[in-house]
Protein backbone atom coordinates (compact mmCIF):
# COMPACT_ATOMS: atom_id res chain seq x y z
CA UNK A 1 -0.03 -0.12 -0.16
CA UNK A 2 2.60 2.23 0.72
CA UNK A 3 4.31 1.78 -2.99
CA UNK A 4 0.91 2.33 -4.15
CA UNK A 5 0.47 5.56 -2.58
CA UNK A 6 3.99 6.89 -3.50
CA UNK A 7 4.35 5.57 -7.09
CA UNK A 8 2.94 6.89 -10.14
CA UNK A 9 2.20 3.90 -11.85
CA UNK A 10 4.83 3.72 -14.33
CA UNK A 11 8.24 3.72 -12.20
CA UNK A 12 9.24 3.76 -8.65
CA UNK A 13 9.05 6.71 -6.80
CA UNK A 14 10.90 7.38 -3.67
CA UNK A 15 9.12 6.72 -0.16
CA UNK A 16 8.77 9.75 1.84
CA UNK A 17 7.35 8.94 5.08
CA UNK A 18 6.63 5.37 6.39
CA UNK A 19 3.84 3.47 6.44
CA UNK A 20 3.20 3.80 10.48
CA UNK A 21 3.38 7.04 10.13
CA UNK A 22 1.12 7.53 7.33
CA UNK A 23 -1.40 5.61 9.89
CA UNK A 24 -1.42 8.34 12.27
CA UNK A 25 -4.90 10.44 12.69
CA UNK A 26 -4.79 13.46 10.73
CA UNK A 27 -4.82 15.87 13.98
CA UNK A 28 -1.35 14.40 14.78
CA UNK A 29 0.04 15.04 11.60
CA UNK A 30 -0.65 11.80 9.72
CA UNK A 31 -2.97 10.81 6.89
CA UNK A 32 -5.23 8.57 8.91
CA UNK A 33 -4.98 5.33 6.90
CA UNK A 34 -6.04 2.47 8.72
CA UNK A 35 -3.20 -0.02 10.35
CA UNK A 36 -5.01 -2.98 8.73
CA UNK A 37 -3.44 -5.70 11.83
CA UNK A 38 -5.27 -3.30 14.88
CA UNK A 39 -8.15 -2.68 12.33
CA UNK A 40 -8.40 -6.66 11.58
CA UNK A 41 -8.53 -6.99 15.32
CA UNK A 42 -11.00 -4.76 16.54
CA UNK A 43 -13.39 -5.97 13.60
CA UNK A 44 -12.97 -9.40 15.26
CA UNK A 45 -13.68 -7.85 18.65
CA UNK A 46 -17.61 -6.90 16.92
CA UNK A 47 -17.99 -11.27 16.84
CA UNK A 48 -18.70 -11.17 20.44
CA UNK A 49 -22.29 -11.37 21.99
CA UNK A 50 -24.81 -13.57 23.41
CA UNK A 51 -24.28 -16.18 20.76
CA UNK A 52 -20.83 -16.04 19.63
CA UNK A 53 -19.78 -17.38 16.19
CA UNK A 54 -17.65 -20.56 15.44
CA UNK A 55 -15.29 -18.20 13.89
CA UNK A 56 -14.99 -16.02 17.24
CA UNK A 57 -14.57 -19.40 19.44
CA UNK A 58 -11.89 -20.45 16.92
CA UNK A 59 -10.29 -17.17 16.83
CA UNK A 60 -8.76 -15.68 20.38
CA UNK A 61 -6.25 -13.40 19.14
CA UNK A 62 -9.01 -10.33 19.78
CA UNK A 63 -9.98 -11.86 23.35
CA UNK A 64 -7.52 -9.56 25.16
CA UNK A 65 -8.46 -6.31 23.30
CA UNK A 66 -12.02 -7.19 24.64
CA UNK A 67 -11.10 -8.03 28.08
CA UNK A 68 -8.99 -4.63 28.35
CA UNK A 69 -11.85 -2.44 27.57
CA UNK A 70 -15.00 -4.12 29.36
CA UNK A 71 -16.18 -2.75 32.80
CA UNK A 72 -18.98 -4.06 35.14
CA UNK A 73 -21.74 -1.71 36.29
CA UNK A 74 -22.64 -2.08 39.36
CA UNK A 75 -26.43 -2.70 40.19
CA UNK A 76 -27.09 -5.10 43.06
CA UNK A 77 -23.95 -6.26 43.09
CA UNK A 78 -25.27 -9.88 43.00
CA UNK A 79 -23.21 -11.09 39.96
CA UNK A 80 -19.82 -8.91 40.17
CA UNK A 81 -17.04 -10.94 41.74
CA UNK A 82 -15.10 -8.17 44.18
CA UNK A 83 -11.51 -9.54 43.09
CA UNK A 84 -12.07 -10.89 39.66
CA UNK A 85 -14.16 -8.82 37.75
CA UNK A 86 -13.26 -5.09 36.64
CA UNK A 87 -15.53 -2.73 38.62
CA UNK A 88 -13.58 -0.16 39.88
CA UNK A 89 -14.15 3.44 38.40
CA UNK A 90 -10.24 4.06 37.42
CA UNK A 91 -9.13 4.84 34.23
CA UNK A 92 -5.91 2.84 34.57
CA UNK A 93 -6.58 -0.11 36.47
CA UNK A 94 -10.53 -1.28 36.93
CA UNK A 95 -9.47 -4.14 39.58
CA UNK A 96 -9.42 -4.22 43.33
CA UNK A 97 -5.73 -3.50 44.35
CA UNK A 98 -6.10 -4.74 48.03
CA UNK A 99 -4.70 -8.19 48.35
CA UNK A 100 -7.49 -10.57 48.49
CA UNK A 101 -7.89 -12.64 51.68
CA UNK A 102 -8.21 -16.50 50.91
CA UNK A 103 -11.49 -17.00 52.48
CA UNK A 104 -12.87 -14.43 50.34
CA UNK A 105 -12.31 -15.83 47.16
CA UNK A 106 -15.66 -15.81 45.30
CA UNK A 107 -16.94 -13.15 47.08
CA UNK A 108 -19.50 -11.04 45.56
CA UNK A 109 -19.76 -6.91 45.82
CA UNK A 110 -23.51 -7.50 47.20
CA UNK A 111 -21.35 -8.62 50.45
CA UNK A 112 -20.29 -4.88 50.76
CA UNK A 113 -23.51 -3.27 50.18
CA UNK A 114 -25.74 -2.56 53.08
CA UNK A 115 -29.31 -3.56 52.27
CA UNK A 116 -31.08 -1.71 54.59
CA UNK A 117 -29.60 1.61 53.18
CA UNK A 118 -28.94 -0.17 49.75
CA UNK A 119 -25.66 2.12 49.85
CA UNK A 120 -22.41 0.88 50.56
CA UNK A 121 -21.49 -0.20 54.03
CA UNK A 122 -18.60 1.86 55.69
CA UNK A 123 -17.53 -0.22 58.17
CA UNK A 124 -16.88 -3.61 55.61
CA UNK A 125 -14.95 -1.45 53.19
CA UNK A 126 -12.63 -0.28 55.83
CA UNK A 127 -12.08 -3.31 57.16
CA UNK A 128 -10.95 -4.96 54.00
CA UNK A 129 -9.35 -2.68 51.74
CA UNK A 130 -6.85 0.32 51.64
CA UNK A 131 -7.65 3.69 51.44
CA UNK A 132 -7.14 4.09 47.61
CA UNK A 133 -9.79 1.22 46.92
CA UNK A 134 -12.35 2.72 49.67
CA UNK A 135 -12.19 5.69 47.83
CA UNK A 136 -12.52 4.18 44.51
CA UNK A 137 -15.58 2.29 45.67
CA UNK A 138 -17.67 5.09 47.26
CA UNK A 139 -17.46 6.76 44.04
CA UNK A 140 -19.46 4.16 42.57
CA UNK A 141 -23.60 4.60 42.57
CA UNK A 142 -25.52 1.53 43.61
CA UNK A 143 -28.65 0.48 42.20
CA UNK A 144 -30.13 -2.45 44.30
CA UNK A 145 -32.88 -2.34 41.68
CA UNK A 146 -31.12 -3.32 38.72
CA UNK A 147 -28.93 -5.91 37.91
CA UNK A 148 -25.29 -5.76 37.22
CA UNK A 149 -23.92 -5.33 33.67
CA UNK A 150 -21.02 -5.56 31.24
CA UNK A 151 -20.18 -2.20 29.20
CA UNK A 152 -17.51 -0.82 27.57
CA UNK A 153 -15.09 1.84 29.02
CA UNK A 154 -14.02 4.92 27.15
CA UNK A 155 -17.39 4.86 24.95
CA UNK A 156 -20.56 7.36 25.52
CA UNK A 157 -23.18 4.96 24.50
CA UNK A 158 -21.00 2.11 26.88
CA UNK A 159 -20.97 -0.46 23.89
CA UNK A 160 -18.37 -1.91 21.74
CA UNK A 161 -17.35 -0.56 18.20
CA UNK A 162 -14.80 -1.52 15.92
CA UNK A 163 -13.57 2.26 16.34
CA UNK A 164 -13.50 1.74 19.85
CA UNK A 165 -11.34 -1.27 19.72
CA UNK A 166 -9.04 0.09 16.79
CA UNK A 167 -8.52 3.53 19.12
CA UNK A 168 -7.81 0.92 21.97
CA UNK A 169 -5.13 -1.17 19.72
CA UNK A 170 -3.66 1.64 18.49
CA UNK A 171 -3.24 3.55 21.72
CA UNK A 172 -3.01 7.50 21.98
CA UNK A 173 -1.10 10.02 19.87
CA UNK A 174 0.59 13.01 21.29
CA UNK A 175 1.93 15.69 19.37
CA UNK A 176 5.74 15.89 19.86
CA UNK A 177 7.32 19.17 21.62
CA UNK A 178 8.40 21.40 18.55
CA UNK A 179 6.17 19.93 15.91
CA UNK A 180 3.58 21.37 14.33
CA UNK A 181 0.27 21.25 16.05
CA UNK A 182 -2.55 23.18 13.77
CA UNK A 183 -3.65 19.85 11.72
CA UNK A 184 -7.23 19.82 12.59
CA UNK A 185 -7.20 23.80 10.78
CA UNK A 186 -5.15 22.57 8.13
CA UNK A 187 -7.49 19.73 7.11
CA UNK A 188 -10.55 21.96 7.46
CA UNK A 189 -9.33 24.45 5.02
CA UNK A 190 -11.54 24.96 2.37
CA UNK A 191 -9.28 24.33 0.01
CA UNK A 192 -8.91 21.74 -3.14
CA UNK A 193 -7.29 18.23 -1.59
CA UNK A 194 -4.11 18.58 -3.71
CA UNK A 195 -3.44 21.91 -1.85
CA UNK A 196 -3.69 20.30 1.49
CA UNK A 197 -1.51 17.32 0.30
CA UNK A 198 1.32 19.43 -0.45
CA UNK A 199 0.98 21.56 2.70
CA UNK A 200 0.82 18.29 4.43
CA UNK A 201 4.10 17.41 2.84
CA UNK A 202 5.92 20.77 3.15
CA UNK A 203 5.26 20.71 7.04
CA UNK A 204 6.63 17.10 7.12
CA UNK A 205 9.48 18.50 4.90
CA UNK A 206 8.88 15.66 2.74
CA UNK A 207 8.86 17.78 -0.44
CA UNK A 208 11.55 16.76 -3.46
CA UNK A 209 13.91 19.54 -2.64
CA UNK A 210 17.15 19.18 -3.32
CA UNK A 211 18.42 18.64 0.38
CA UNK A 212 15.96 15.99 0.65
CA UNK A 213 16.45 14.27 -2.43
CA UNK A 214 20.41 14.23 -1.57
CA UNK A 215 19.34 12.82 1.72
CA UNK A 216 17.89 9.93 -0.25
CA UNK A 217 21.18 9.61 -2.13
CA UNK A 218 19.49 11.08 -5.38
CA UNK A 219 22.66 12.16 -6.86
CA UNK A 220 22.19 15.97 -8.10
CA UNK A 221 23.48 19.31 -7.87
CA UNK A 222 22.28 20.54 -4.60
CA UNK A 223 21.78 24.40 -5.19
CA UNK A 224 18.27 25.97 -5.68
CA UNK A 225 16.83 26.13 -9.50
CA UNK A 226 15.56 29.51 -9.27
CA UNK A 227 18.40 31.62 -7.34
CA UNK A 228 21.14 29.09 -7.96
CA UNK A 229 22.82 30.42 -4.77
CA UNK A 230 21.80 28.72 -1.81
CA UNK A 231 21.04 24.95 -1.02
CA UNK A 232 17.61 24.20 -1.68
CA UNK A 233 15.08 23.00 1.50
CA UNK A 234 11.57 23.46 2.04
CA UNK A 235 11.64 26.88 3.66
CA UNK A 236 14.24 28.43 0.96
CA UNK A 237 12.23 26.99 -1.88
CA UNK A 238 8.82 28.90 -0.29
CA UNK A 239 9.80 31.70 1.38
CA UNK A 240 13.59 32.55 1.59
CA UNK A 241 14.57 32.27 -1.99
CA UNK A 242 14.44 35.62 -3.48
CA UNK A 243 12.46 34.54 -6.33
CA UNK A 244 9.54 33.60 -3.24
CA UNK A 245 10.26 37.13 -1.32
CA UNK A 246 9.06 39.04 -4.19
CA UNK A 247 6.30 37.06 -4.78
CA UNK A 248 5.40 37.15 -1.21
CA UNK A 249 6.06 41.25 -1.46
CA UNK A 250 3.65 41.57 -4.71
CA UNK A 251 1.07 39.40 -2.50
CA UNK A 252 0.45 41.97 0.00
CA UNK A 253 0.05 39.80 2.79
CA UNK A 254 1.20 40.40 6.21
CA UNK A 255 3.72 37.75 6.17
CA UNK A 256 5.59 36.71 9.60
CA UNK A 257 8.80 38.19 10.09
CA UNK A 258 10.49 35.41 12.30
CA UNK A 259 13.59 33.88 12.04
CA UNK A 260 13.80 30.54 11.49
CA UNK A 261 14.42 27.75 9.25
CA UNK A 262 11.48 25.20 9.97
CA UNK A 263 8.62 25.40 7.49
CA UNK A 264 5.72 24.54 10.07
CA UNK A 265 7.08 27.13 12.37
CA UNK A 266 6.65 29.86 9.50
CA UNK A 267 3.45 28.48 8.35
CA UNK A 268 1.80 28.21 12.01
CA UNK A 269 2.49 31.79 12.36
CA UNK A 270 1.01 32.60 9.31
CA UNK A 271 -2.12 30.49 10.38
CA UNK A 272 -2.01 33.01 13.34
CA UNK A 273 -1.97 36.33 11.26
CA UNK A 274 -4.30 35.33 8.40
CA UNK A 275 -8.31 35.18 8.30
CA UNK A 276 -9.78 32.69 6.37
CA UNK A 277 -9.41 34.25 2.78
CA UNK A 278 -5.55 35.11 3.79
CA UNK A 279 -5.26 31.65 4.22
CA UNK A 280 -6.72 30.57 0.90
CA UNK A 281 -4.52 33.20 -0.81
CA UNK A 282 -1.60 31.93 0.84
CA UNK A 283 -2.16 28.73 0.35
CA UNK A 284 -2.45 29.20 -3.61
CA UNK A 285 0.85 31.17 -3.72
CA UNK A 286 2.40 28.31 -1.61
């Protein structure tokens, strides 16, 4: 797929960015392509239900994914095991942290509820659990009129979906320090898709400038084809070259006057100072 994305169909092209980087969501600087292994596992997870198919019972690869995302919602506590089921409302670890006494193996949450008041029994909680567990348990609402149920953690409607499973597998993304952070602004610009792709490549510094082509071991003259003075990198080609400077001056746009060799920093400042029409105009110039 990476070869298909970068090739022209007639000859082999340079793979400017690794496939795993292209699979990063757009708001974190990738193109949002699916990691097929993660997507397939997420789809396997969708097979689970009240009557699992033979395929599901045969293919257990996705079991750990399902187990890591499900939680128990406490109603009357009669069907939830205290030390075996994930029922603590903690985003990091839903299991009780206090070591289990051997005599309480198989004990259920209903034993922690005062049946007279329908609330947690403080004396039992403080006798059995360490303070952090007590605090977490007291946060959980009790509904004695309802049975305990399973739900999917982290989803607004508490139901497993392929999208939820995929996000769990690939994990969270974070923008690195000093990197471009306005990806959502870029992808929402009302400009042609080819322009967005060009800007994405410029921000990622994977345009075929002489500097980048030399890094890819393409033998060529390193100088800019326009000025024939400086070595051509992304910032030089689009902003600093005398040819580019003349065009920006004629545009009458309030171009950021900052000292940087990183195009993504310059473009980020450009987005800060221009309105939507100005960004459209600047994008067309780039």
